[in-house]
Amino acid sequence: MTVSPGFLLLANGRLLVPADEMTGLLRHVAAVWLQATDRGEADHDPATVLALATSLMEVADLIDAECIALLPPEEGPSEDAPD
């Protein structure tokens, strides 16, 4: 049985979190803020919540884009690609 951790702790004490988990968390927090505001469960200014949620989603998008940029270029068609 193999178990992979959700995060890694480096020798220097820095914590690494998988990018997809981080972007998922950012998007989830933004969605929860927006839903709570829409339902009237939060006493926060809706425009401010929208701005903050948008900022979180933009950070998630930037992380995704940076990770995609780090992927090595493909050297031909994928084995999964249709002929």
Protein backbone atom coordinates (compact mmCIF):
# COMPACT_ATOMS: atom_id res chain seq x y z
CA MET A 1 0.00 0.00 0.00
CA THR A 2 1.40 3.36 -1.02
CA VAL A 3 0.27 6.59 0.58
CA SER A 4 1.39 9.95 -0.72
CA PRO A 5 1.30 12.88 1.69
CA GLY A 6 -0.78 15.94 0.93
CA PHE A 7 2.23 18.12 1.64
CA LEU A 8 5.99 17.88 2.02
CA LEU A 9 8.21 19.41 4.68
CA LEU A 10 11.68 20.30 3.42
CA ALA A 11 14.81 20.01 5.56
CA ASN A 12 14.95 23.81 5.89
CA GLY A 13 11.45 23.80 7.41
CA ARG A 14 9.65 25.14 4.34
CA LEU A 15 6.31 23.56 3.59
CA LEU A 16 5.38 22.53 0.05
CA VAL A 17 1.75 22.03 -0.93
CA PRO A 18 0.75 20.51 -4.27
CA ALA A 19 -0.32 23.32 -6.60
CA ASP A 20 -3.66 21.75 -7.47
CA GLU A 21 -4.55 21.53 -3.79
CA MET A 22 -3.54 25.16 -3.23
CA THR A 23 -5.51 26.47 -6.20
CA GLY A 24 -8.49 24.35 -5.18
CA LEU A 25 -8.34 25.80 -1.68
CA LEU A 26 -8.14 29.39 -2.97
CA ARG A 27 -11.11 28.87 -5.28
CA HIS A 28 -13.10 27.13 -2.51
CA VAL A 29 -12.52 29.96 -0.03
CA ALA A 30 -13.58 32.51 -2.66
CA ALA A 31 -16.75 30.53 -3.41
CA VAL A 32 -17.65 30.20 0.28
CA TRP A 33 -17.23 33.96 0.79
CA LEU A 34 -19.45 34.72 -2.20
CA GLN A 35 -22.12 32.21 -1.17
CA ALA A 36 -22.22 33.47 2.41
CA THR A 37 -22.57 37.05 1.19
CA ASP A 38 -25.29 36.12 -1.34
CA ARG A 39 -27.30 34.36 1.39
CA GLY A 40 -26.90 37.28 3.79
CA GLU A 41 -24.91 35.17 6.25
CA ALA A 42 -22.06 37.69 6.39
CA ASP A 43 -22.19 41.33 7.43
CA HIS A 44 -19.49 42.29 4.95
CA ASP A 45 -19.80 44.73 2.08
CA PRO A 46 -20.70 42.65 -1.01
CA ALA A 47 -18.45 44.72 -3.29
CA THR A 48 -15.48 44.15 -0.99
CA VAL A 49 -16.17 40.41 -0.77
CA LEU A 50 -16.42 40.24 -4.57
CA ALA A 51 -13.11 42.08 -4.93
CA LEU A 52 -11.37 39.79 -2.44
CA ALA A 53 -12.85 36.63 -3.98
CA THR A 54 -11.82 37.80 -7.44
CA SER A 55 -8.29 38.39 -6.17
CA LEU A 56 -8.11 34.87 -4.73
CA MET A 57 -9.30 33.38 -8.02
CA GLU A 58 -6.74 35.45 -9.95
CA VAL A 59 -3.95 34.14 -7.71
CA ALA A 60 -5.18 30.59 -8.34
CA ASP A 61 -5.18 31.27 -12.09
CA LEU A 62 -1.61 32.62 -11.91
CA ILE A 63 -0.42 29.55 -10.03
CA ASP A 64 -2.06 27.32 -12.65
CA ALA A 65 -0.46 29.29 -15.48
CA GLU A 66 2.99 29.16 -13.89
CA CYS A 67 2.70 25.40 -13.36
CA ILE A 68 1.61 24.88 -16.96
CA ALA A 69 4.60 26.94 -18.13
CA LEU A 70 6.91 24.60 -16.20
CA LEU A 71 5.66 21.51 -18.02
CA PRO A 72 8.12 20.09 -20.53
CA PRO A 73 7.11 20.42 -24.17
CA GLU A 74 5.59 17.34 -25.72
CA GLU A 75 7.82 15.45 -28.10
CA GLY A 76 5.13 14.06 -30.32
CA PRO A 77 1.58 12.87 -30.12
CA SER A 78 0.36 11.50 -26.83
CA GLU A 79 -0.38 7.79 -26.62
CA ASP A 80 -3.91 8.76 -25.50
CA ALA A 81 -4.51 11.02 -28.50
CA PRO A 82 -6.84 9.68 -31.18
CA ASP A 83 -5.26 8.82 -34.53
